[in-house]
PDB file of N, CA and C in Angstrom:
ATOM      1  N   MET A   1      10.797   3.736 -19.644  1.00  0.00           N
ATOM      2  CA  MET A   1      12.154   3.530 -19.118  1.00  0.00           C
ATOM      3  C   MET A   1      12.674   4.579 -19.149  1.00  0.00           C
ATOM      4  N   ALA A   2      12.408   5.031 -20.585  1.00  0.00           N
ATOM      5  CA  ALA A   2      13.382   6.174 -21.300  1.00  0.00           C
ATOM      6  C   ALA A   2      13.215   7.744 -20.385  1.00  0.00           C
ATOM      7  N   PRO A   3      11.612   7.729 -20.008  1.00  0.00           N
ATOM      8  CA  PRO A   3      11.768   8.989 -19.402  1.00  0.00           C
ATOM      9  C   PRO A   3      12.090   9.169 -17.992  1.00  0.00           C
ATOM     10  N   ILE A   4      12.241   8.012 -17.285  1.00  0.00           N
ATOM     11  CA  ILE A   4      13.129   8.093 -15.769  1.00  0.00           C
ATOM     12  C   ILE A   4      14.442   8.369 -16.173  1.00  0.00           C
ATOM     13  N   ILE A   5      14.997   7.824 -17.251  1.00  0.00           N
ATOM     14  CA  ILE A   5      16.327   7.924 -17.377  1.00  0.00           C
ATOM     15  C   ILE A   5      16.713   9.334 -17.593  1.00  0.00           C
ATOM     16  N   SER A   6      15.737   9.984 -18.377  1.00  0.00           N
ATOM     17  CA  SER A   6      15.992  11.301 -18.806  1.00  0.00           C
ATOM     18  C   SER A   6      15.776  12.328 -17.730  1.00  0.00           C
ATOM     19  N   LEU A   7      14.721  11.815 -16.971  1.00  0.00           N
ATOM     20  CA  LEU A   7      14.518  12.754 -15.745  1.00  0.00           C
ATOM     21  C   LEU A   7      15.833  12.467 -14.741  1.00  0.00           C
ATOM     22  N   ALA A   8      16.253  11.733 -14.553  1.00  0.00           N
ATOM     23  CA  ALA A   8      17.957  11.790 -13.894  1.00  0.00           C
ATOM     24  C   ALA A   8      18.775  12.140 -14.480  1.00  0.00           C
ATOM     25  N   MET A   9      18.611  12.248 -15.747  1.00  0.00           N
ATOM     26  CA  MET A   9      20.108  12.965 -16.501  1.00  0.00           C
ATOM     27  C   MET A   9      19.811  14.311 -16.511  1.00  0.00           C
ATOM     28  N   ALA A  10      18.215  14.926 -16.654  1.00  0.00           N
ATOM     29  CA  ALA A  10      18.073  16.238 -16.515  1.00  0.00           C
ATOM     30  C   ALA A  10      18.313  16.695 -15.117  1.00  0.00           C
ATOM     31  N   ILE A  11      18.278  16.229 -14.095  1.00  0.00           N
ATOM     32  CA  ILE A  11      18.502  16.517 -12.851  1.00  0.00           C
ATOM     33  C   ILE A  11      19.816  16.414 -12.457  1.00  0.00           C
ATOM     34  N   ALA A  12      20.633  15.640 -13.257  1.00  0.00           N
ATOM     35  CA  ALA A  12      22.189  15.386 -12.819  1.00  0.00           C
ATOM     36  C   ALA A  12      22.885  16.570 -13.943  1.00  0.00           C
ATOM     37  N   ARG A  13      22.367  16.973 -14.888  1.00  0.00           N
ATOM     38  CA  ARG A  13      22.975  17.914 -16.120  1.00  0.00           C
ATOM     39  C   ARG A  13      22.330  19.535 -15.819  1.00  0.00           C
ATOM     40  N   GLN A  14      21.029  19.435 -14.763  1.00  0.00           N
ATOM     41  CA  GLN A  14      20.674  20.790 -14.407  1.00  0.00           C
ATOM     42  C   GLN A  14      19.998  21.264 -15.604  1.00  0.00           C
ATOM     43  N   ASP A  15      19.472  20.739 -16.633  1.00  0.00           N
ATOM     44  CA  ASP A  15      18.971  20.808 -17.647  1.00  0.00           C
ATOM     45  C   ASP A  15      17.425  21.161 -17.921  1.00  0.00           C
ATOM     46  N   SER A  16      16.910  22.304 -17.714  1.00  0.00           N
ATOM     47  CA  SER A  16      15.305  22.555 -17.529  1.00  0.00           C
ATOM     48  C   SER A  16      14.523  22.115 -18.605  1.00  0.00           C
ATOM     49  N   ASN A  17      14.928  22.582 -20.110  1.00  0.00           N
ATOM     50  CA  ASN A  17      13.964  22.076 -20.857  1.00  0.00           C
ATOM     51  C   ASN A  17      13.943  19.897 -20.784  1.00  0.00           C
ATOM     52  N   LEU A  18      14.921  19.483 -20.437  1.00  0.00           N
ATOM     53  CA  LEU A  18      14.987  17.778 -20.498  1.00  0.00           C
ATOM     54  C   LEU A  18      14.138  17.651 -19.421  1.00  0.00           C
ATOM     55  N   LEU A  19      13.996  18.457 -18.328  1.00  0.00           N
ATOM     56  CA  LEU A  19      13.401  18.249 -16.727  1.00  0.00           C
ATOM     57  C   LEU A  19      11.523  18.097 -17.237  1.00  0.00           C
ATOM     58  N   MET A  20      11.615  19.493 -17.981  1.00  0.00           N
ATOM     59  CA  MET A  20      10.179  19.628 -18.081  1.00  0.00           C
ATOM     60  C   MET A  20       9.264  18.496 -19.344  1.00  0.00           C
ATOM     61  N   ASN A  21      10.405  18.241 -20.163  1.00  0.00           N
ATOM     62  CA  ASN A  21       9.897  17.151 -20.945  1.00  0.00           C
ATOM     63  C   ASN A  21       9.671  15.697 -20.563  1.00  0.00           C
ATOM     64  N   SER A  22      10.912  15.668 -19.935  1.00  0.00           N
ATOM     65  CA  SER A  22      10.881  14.251 -19.059  1.00  0.00           C
ATOM     66  C   SER A  22       9.329  14.493 -17.985  1.00  0.00           C
ATOM     67  N   THR A  23       9.254  15.405 -17.510  1.00  0.00           N
ATOM     68  CA  THR A  23       8.080  15.195 -16.209  1.00  0.00           C
ATOM     69  C   THR A  23       6.818  15.423 -16.973  1.00  0.00           C
ATOM     70  N   LYS A  24       6.933  15.888 -18.022  1.00  0.00           N
ATOM     71  CA  LYS A  24       5.383  16.131 -18.695  1.00  0.00           C
ATOM     72  C   LYS A  24       5.026  14.382 -19.319  1.00  0.00           C
ATOM     73  N   THR A  25       6.298  13.943 -19.851  1.00  0.00           N
ATOM     74  CA  THR A  25       5.892  12.572 -20.366  1.00  0.00           C
ATOM     75  C   THR A  25       5.675  11.277 -19.197  1.00  0.00           C
ATOM     76  N   LEU A  26       6.374  11.450 -18.010  1.00  0.00           N
ATOM     77  CA  LEU A  26       6.052  10.939 -16.970  1.00  0.00           C
ATOM     78  C   LEU A  26       4.632  11.140 -16.533  1.00  0.00           C
ATOM     79  N   MET A  27       4.282  12.131 -16.345  1.00  0.00           N
ATOM     80  CA  MET A  27       2.797  12.390 -15.799  1.00  0.00           C
ATOM     81  C   MET A  27       1.680  12.422 -16.640  1.00  0.00           C
ATOM     82  N   THR A  28       1.690  12.344 -18.123  1.00  0.00           N
ATOM     83  CA  THR A  28       1.266  11.619 -18.959  1.00  0.00           C
ATOM     84  C   THR A  28       0.893  10.317 -18.965  1.00  0.00           C
ATOM     85  N   GLY A  29       2.003   9.418 -18.679  1.00  0.00           N
ATOM     86  CA  GLY A  29       1.908   8.144 -18.494  1.00  0.00           C
ATOM     87  C   GLY A  29       1.348   7.719 -17.354  1.00  0.00           C
ATOM     88  N   CYS A  30       1.466   8.471 -16.217  1.00  0.00           N
ATOM     89  CA  CYS A  30       0.897   8.102 -15.178  1.00  0.00           C
ATOM     90  C   CYS A  30      -0.850   8.163 -15.083  1.00  0.00           C
ATOM     91  N   PHE A  31      -0.968   9.658 -15.487  1.00  0.00           N
ATOM     92  CA  PHE A  31      -2.601   9.888 -15.770  1.00  0.00           C
ATOM     93  C   PHE A  31      -3.357   8.873 -16.766  1.00  0.00           C
ATOM     94  N   LEU A  32      -2.720   8.732 -17.865  1.00  0.00           N
ATOM     95  CA  LEU A  32      -2.928   7.671 -18.790  1.00  0.00           C
ATOM     96  C   LEU A  32      -3.328   6.113 -18.307  1.00  0.00           C
ATOM     97  N   SER A  33      -2.294   5.811 -17.163  1.00  0.00           N
ATOM     98  CA  SER A  33      -2.445   4.375 -16.831  1.00  0.00           C
ATOM     99  C   SER A  33      -3.393   4.255 -15.691  1.00  0.00           C
ATOM    100  N   LEU A  34      -3.548   5.464 -15.120  1.00  0.00           N
ATOM    101  CA  LEU A  34      -4.852   5.806 -13.889  1.00  0.00           C
ATOM    102  C   LEU A  34      -6.085   5.639 -14.535  1.00  0.00           C
ATOM    103  N   GLY A  35      -6.346   6.303 -15.463  1.00  0.00           N
ATOM    104  CA  GLY A  35      -7.412   6.366 -16.408  1.00  0.00           C
ATOM    105  C   GLY A  35      -7.985   5.208 -16.992  1.00  0.00           C
ATOM    106  N   PHE A  36      -6.941   4.305 -17.427  1.00  0.00           N
ATOM    107  CA  PHE A  36      -7.390   2.928 -18.104  1.00  0.00           C
ATOM    108  C   PHE A  36      -7.785   2.048 -17.181  1.00  0.00           C
ATOM    109  N   ALA A  37      -6.959   2.122 -16.165  1.00  0.00           N
ATOM    110  CA  ALA A  37      -7.411   1.401 -15.226  1.00  0.00           C
ATOM    111  C   ALA A  37      -8.692   1.505 -14.524  1.00  0.00           C
ATOM    112  N   SER A  38      -9.048   2.749 -14.028  1.00  0.00           N
ATOM    113  CA  SER A  38     -10.365   3.452 -13.548  1.00  0.00           C
ATOM    114  C   SER A  38     -11.507   2.747 -14.557  1.00  0.00           C
ATOM    115  N   VAL A  39     -11.320   2.866 -16.076  1.00  0.00           N
ATOM    116  CA  VAL A  39     -12.246   2.387 -16.781  1.00  0.00           C
ATOM    117  C   VAL A  39     -12.345   0.912 -16.780  1.00  0.00           C
ATOM    118  N   ALA A  40     -11.420   0.279 -16.279  1.00  0.00           N
ATOM    119  CA  ALA A  40     -11.166  -1.200 -16.574  1.00  0.00           C
ATOM    120  C   ALA A  40     -12.091  -1.377 -15.300  1.00  0.00           C
ATOM    121  N   SER A  41     -11.887  -0.783 -14.448  1.00  0.00           N
ATOM    122  CA  SER A  41     -12.616  -1.211 -13.254  1.00  0.00           C
ATOM    123  C   SER A  41     -14.002  -0.881 -13.181  1.00  0.00           C
ATOM    124  N   PHE A  42     -14.355  -0.176 -13.704  1.00  0.00           N
ATOM    125  CA  PHE A  42     -15.974   0.475 -13.751  1.00  0.00           C
ATOM    126  C   PHE A  42     -16.653  -0.712 -15.207  1.00  0.00           C
ATOM    127  N   ILE A  43     -15.808  -1.225 -15.980  1.00  0.00           N
ATOM    128  CA  ILE A  43     -16.470  -1.893 -17.025  1.00  0.00           C
ATOM    129  C   ILE A  43     -16.627  -3.674 -16.195  1.00  0.00           C
ATOM    130  N   MET A  44     -15.343  -4.055 -15.577  1.00  0.00           N
ATOM    131  CA  MET A  44     -15.158  -5.247 -14.827  1.00  0.00           C
ATOM    132  C   MET A  44     -15.174  -5.020 -13.210  1.00  0.00           C
ATOM    133  N   PRO A  45     -16.609  -4.717 -12.668  1.00  0.00           N
ATOM    134  CA  PRO A  45     -16.257  -4.625 -10.920  1.00  0.00           C
ATOM    135  C   PRO A  45     -16.120  -6.219 -10.570  1.00  0.00           C
ATOM    136  N   MET A  46     -15.490  -5.665  -9.264  1.00  0.00           N
ATOM    137  CA  MET A  46     -15.025  -6.935  -8.550  1.00  0.00           C
ATOM    138  C   MET A  46     -15.544  -7.036  -6.971  1.00  0.00           C
ATOM    139  N   GLU A  47     -16.604  -7.688  -6.890  1.00  0.00           N
ATOM    140  CA  GLU A  47     -17.427  -7.838  -5.552  1.00  0.00           C
ATOM    141  C   GLU A  47     -16.625  -8.214  -4.254  1.00  0.00           C
ATOM    142  N   THR A  48     -16.060  -9.139  -4.560  1.00  0.00           N
ATOM    143  CA  THR A  48     -15.237 -10.138  -3.391  1.00  0.00           C
ATOM    144  C   THR A  48     -13.847 -10.018  -3.471  1.00  0.00           C
ATOM    145  N   VAL A  49     -13.155  -9.968  -2.181  1.00  0.00           N
ATOM    146  CA  VAL A  49     -11.716  -9.840  -2.297  1.00  0.00           C
ATOM    147  C   VAL A  49     -11.306 -11.163  -1.990  1.00  0.00           C
ATOM    148  N   THR A  50     -10.573 -11.873  -2.804  1.00  0.00           N
ATOM    149  CA  THR A  50     -10.004 -12.967  -2.489  1.00  0.00           C
ATOM    150  C   THR A  50      -8.675 -13.174  -1.684  1.00  0.00           C
ATOM    151  N   PRO A  51      -8.321 -14.477  -1.419  1.00  0.00           N
ATOM    152  CA  PRO A  51      -7.127 -14.176  -0.191  1.00  0.00           C
ATOM    153  C   PRO A  51      -6.034 -13.782  -0.810  1.00  0.00           C
ATOM    154  N   GLU A  52      -5.608 -13.727  -2.012  1.00  0.00           N
ATOM    155  CA  GLU A  52      -4.622 -13.451  -3.112  1.00  0.00           C
ATOM    156  C   GLU A  52      -4.527 -11.808  -3.025  1.00  0.00           C
ATOM    157  N   ILE A  53      -5.875 -11.154  -3.260  1.00  0.00           N
ATOM    158  CA  ILE A  53      -5.757  -9.981  -3.184  1.00  0.00           C
ATOM    159  C   ILE A  53      -5.781  -9.294  -1.701  1.00  0.00           C
ATOM    160  N   ALA A  54      -6.372  -9.824  -0.482  1.00  0.00           N
ATOM    161  CA  ALA A  54      -6.019  -9.495   0.485  1.00  0.00           C
ATOM    162  C   ALA A  54      -4.400  -9.496   1.117  1.00  0.00           C
ATOM    163  N   ALA A  55      -4.013 -10.606   0.459  1.00  0.00           N
ATOM    164  CA  ALA A  55      -2.531 -10.877   1.056  1.00  0.00           C
ATOM    165  C   ALA A  55      -1.563  -9.416   0.457  1.00  0.00           C
ATOM    166  N   ARG A  56      -2.013  -9.183  -0.705  1.00  0.00           N
ATOM    167  CA  ARG A  56      -1.382  -8.082  -1.276  1.00  0.00           C
ATOM    168  C   ARG A  56      -1.366  -6.536  -0.708  1.00  0.00           C
ATOM    169  N   LEU A  57      -2.947  -6.535  -0.170  1.00  0.00           N
ATOM    170  CA  LEU A  57      -3.016  -5.469   0.430  1.00  0.00           C
ATOM    171  C   LEU A  57      -2.326  -4.952   2.016  1.00  0.00           C
ATOM    172  N   SER A  58      -1.687  -6.175   2.568  1.00  0.00           N
ATOM    173  CA  SER A  58      -0.789  -6.143   3.688  1.00  0.00           C
ATOM    174  C   SER A  58       0.424  -6.822   3.449  1.00  0.00           C
ATOM    175  N   PRO A  59       1.028  -6.189   2.892  1.00  0.00           N
ATOM    176  CA  PRO A  59       2.512  -6.663   2.798  1.00  0.00           C
ATOM    177  C   PRO A  59       3.160  -6.903   3.970  1.00  0.00           C
ATOM    178  N   SER A  60       4.226  -8.245   3.954  1.00  0.00           N
ATOM    179  CA  SER A  60       4.752  -8.354   5.361  1.00  0.00           C
ATOM    180  C   SER A  60       6.552  -8.273   4.782  1.00  0.00           C
ATOM    181  N   LEU A  61       7.356  -7.897   6.039  1.00  0.00           N
ATOM    182  CA  LEU A  61       8.554  -8.083   5.661  1.00  0.00           C
ATOM    183  C   LEU A  61       9.291  -9.125   4.605  1.00  0.00           C
ATOM    184  N   LEU A  62       8.576 -10.241   4.867  1.00  0.00           N
ATOM    185  CA  LEU A  62       9.107 -11.384   3.826  1.00  0.00           C
ATOM    186  C   LEU A  62       8.837 -10.827   2.232  1.00  0.00           C
ATOM    187  N   ASP A  63       7.663 -10.022   2.250  1.00  0.00           N
ATOM    188  CA  ASP A  63       7.427  -9.521   0.940  1.00  0.00           C
ATOM    189  C   ASP A  63       8.785  -8.281   0.432  1.00  0.00           C
ATOM    190  N   LEU A  64       8.813  -7.524   1.202  1.00  0.00           N
ATOM    191  CA  LEU A  64       9.899  -6.692   1.113  1.00  0.00           C
ATOM    192  C   LEU A  64      11.240  -7.363   0.684  1.00  0.00           C
ATOM    193  N   ALA A  65      11.493  -8.318   1.944  1.00  0.00           N
ATOM    194  CA  ALA A  65      12.990  -8.697   1.351  1.00  0.00           C
ATOM    195  C   ALA A  65      12.997  -9.453  -0.064  1.00  0.00           C
ATOM    196  N   VAL A  66      11.758 -10.358  -0.616  1.00  0.00           N
ATOM    197  CA  VAL A  66      11.698 -10.532  -1.828  1.00  0.00           C
ATOM    198  C   VAL A  66      12.008  -9.460  -2.886  1.00  0.00           C
ATOM    199  N   ALA A  67      11.260  -8.531  -2.676  1.00  0.00           N
ATOM    200  CA  ALA A  67      11.251  -7.350  -3.506  1.00  0.00           C
ATOM    201  C   ALA A  67      12.797  -6.651  -3.598  1.00  0.00           C
ATOM    202  N   VAL A  68      13.408  -6.558  -2.655  1.00  0.00           N
ATOM    203  CA  VAL A  68      14.747  -6.046  -2.784  1.00  0.00           C
ATOM    204  C   VAL A  68      15.817  -6.940  -2.909  1.00  0.00           C
ATOM    205  N   LEU A  69      15.532  -8.138  -3.017  1.00  0.00           N
ATOM    206  CA  LEU A  69      16.420  -9.255  -3.400  1.00  0.00           C
ATOM    207  C   LEU A  69      16.393  -9.787  -4.834  1.00  0.00           C
ATOM    208  N   SER A  70      15.190  -9.283  -5.255  1.00  0.00           N
ATOM    209  CA  SER A  70      14.601  -9.235  -6.637  1.00  0.00           C
ATOM    210  C   SER A  70      15.595  -8.074  -7.459  1.00  0.00           C
ATOM    211  N   GLY A  71      15.250  -6.955  -6.830  1.00  0.00           N
ATOM    212  CA  GLY A  71      16.020  -5.943  -7.314  1.00  0.00           C
ATOM    213  C   GLY A  71      17.566  -5.854  -7.337  1.00  0.00           C
ATOM    214  N   ILE A  72      18.226  -6.442  -6.591  1.00  0.00           N
ATOM    215  CA  ILE A  72      19.541  -6.758  -6.459  1.00  0.00           C
ATOM    216  C   ILE A  72      20.075  -8.164  -7.564  1.00  0.00           C
ATOM    217  N   ALA A  73      19.059  -8.639  -7.989  1.00  0.00           N
ATOM    218  CA  ALA A  73      19.413  -9.876  -8.351  1.00  0.00           C
ATOM    219  C   ALA A  73      19.083  -9.517 -10.295  1.00  0.00           C
ATOM    220  N   ALA A  74      18.242  -8.460 -10.278  1.00  0.00           N
ATOM    221  CA  ALA A  74      17.971  -7.773 -11.627  1.00  0.00           C
ATOM    222  C   ALA A  74      18.991  -6.576 -11.925  1.00  0.00           C
ATOM    223  N   SER A  75      19.305  -6.215 -10.990  1.00  0.00           N
ATOM    224  CA  SER A  75      20.740  -5.343 -11.244  1.00  0.00           C
ATOM    225  C   SER A  75      22.055  -5.920 -11.727  1.00  0.00           C
ATOM    226  N   LEU A  76      22.256  -6.961 -11.003  1.00  0.00           N
ATOM    227  CA  LEU A  76      23.128  -7.758 -11.313  1.00  0.00           C
ATOM    228  C   LEU A  76      23.495  -8.639 -12.444  1.00  0.00           C
ATOM    229  N   CYS A  77      22.009  -8.424 -13.042  1.00  0.00           N
ATOM    230  CA  CYS A  77      22.158  -9.543 -14.411  1.00  0.00           C
ATOM    231  C   CYS A  77      22.248  -8.465 -15.602  1.00  0.00           C
ATOM    232  N   SER A  78      22.008  -7.249 -15.265  1.00  0.00           N
ATOM    233  CA  SER A  78      21.839  -6.119 -16.019  1.00  0.00           C
ATOM    234  C   SER A  78      23.247  -5.861 -16.471  1.00  0.00           C
ATOM    235  N   CYS A  79      24.141  -5.696 -15.385  1.00  0.00           N
ATOM    236  CA  CYS A  79      25.908  -5.286 -15.620  1.00  0.00           C
ATOM    237  C   CYS A  79      26.448  -6.157 -16.356  1.00  0.00           C
ATOM    238  N   PRO A  80      27.061  -5.544 -17.523  1.00  0.00           N
ATOM    239  CA  PRO A  80      27.881  -6.432 -18.266  1.00  0.00           C
ATOM    240  C   PRO A  80      29.159  -7.037 -17.288  1.00  0.00           C
ATOM    241  N   TYR A  81      29.428  -8.140 -17.521  1.00  0.00           N
ATOM    242  CA  TYR A  81      30.774  -8.645 -16.738  1.00  0.00           C
ATOM    243  C   TYR A  81      31.956  -8.402 -17.359  1.00  0.00           C
ATOM    244  N   ARG A  82      32.745  -8.286 -16.922  1.00  0.00           N
ATOM    245  CA  ARG A  82      34.044  -7.623 -17.215  1.00  0.00           C
ATOM    246  C   ARG A  82      35.248  -8.387 -16.421  1.00  0.00           C
ATOM    247  N   SER A  83      36.026  -9.178 -17.410  1.00  0.00           N
ATOM    248  CA  SER A  83      37.115 -10.067 -16.629  1.00  0.00           C
ATOM    249  C   SER A  83      38.363  -9.310 -16.998  1.00  0.00           C
ATOM    250  N   ARG A  84      39.335  -9.493 -16.002  1.00  0.00           N
ATOM    251  CA  ARG A  84      40.510  -8.451 -15.786  1.00  0.00           C
ATOM    252  C   ARG A  84      41.586  -9.212 -16.674  1.00  0.00           C
TER     253      ARG A  84
END
């Protein structure tokens, strides 16, 4: 989460050094996670596609609505409540 926030801060403040550091950190994390996922998929190959996996390969509008509402709920839960 911190590299994403620092990337946003670097764009907002136009700080090229912070932008390069956060981009490098994000790219390193992306490539490491893809590498570990590739190794895991070669170690544990899956020959059959279950109905659960097939449902995730073709999301519907209901899935989009659930994702958007979950994001709204998470943002509301993370905001502090201020009484006036």
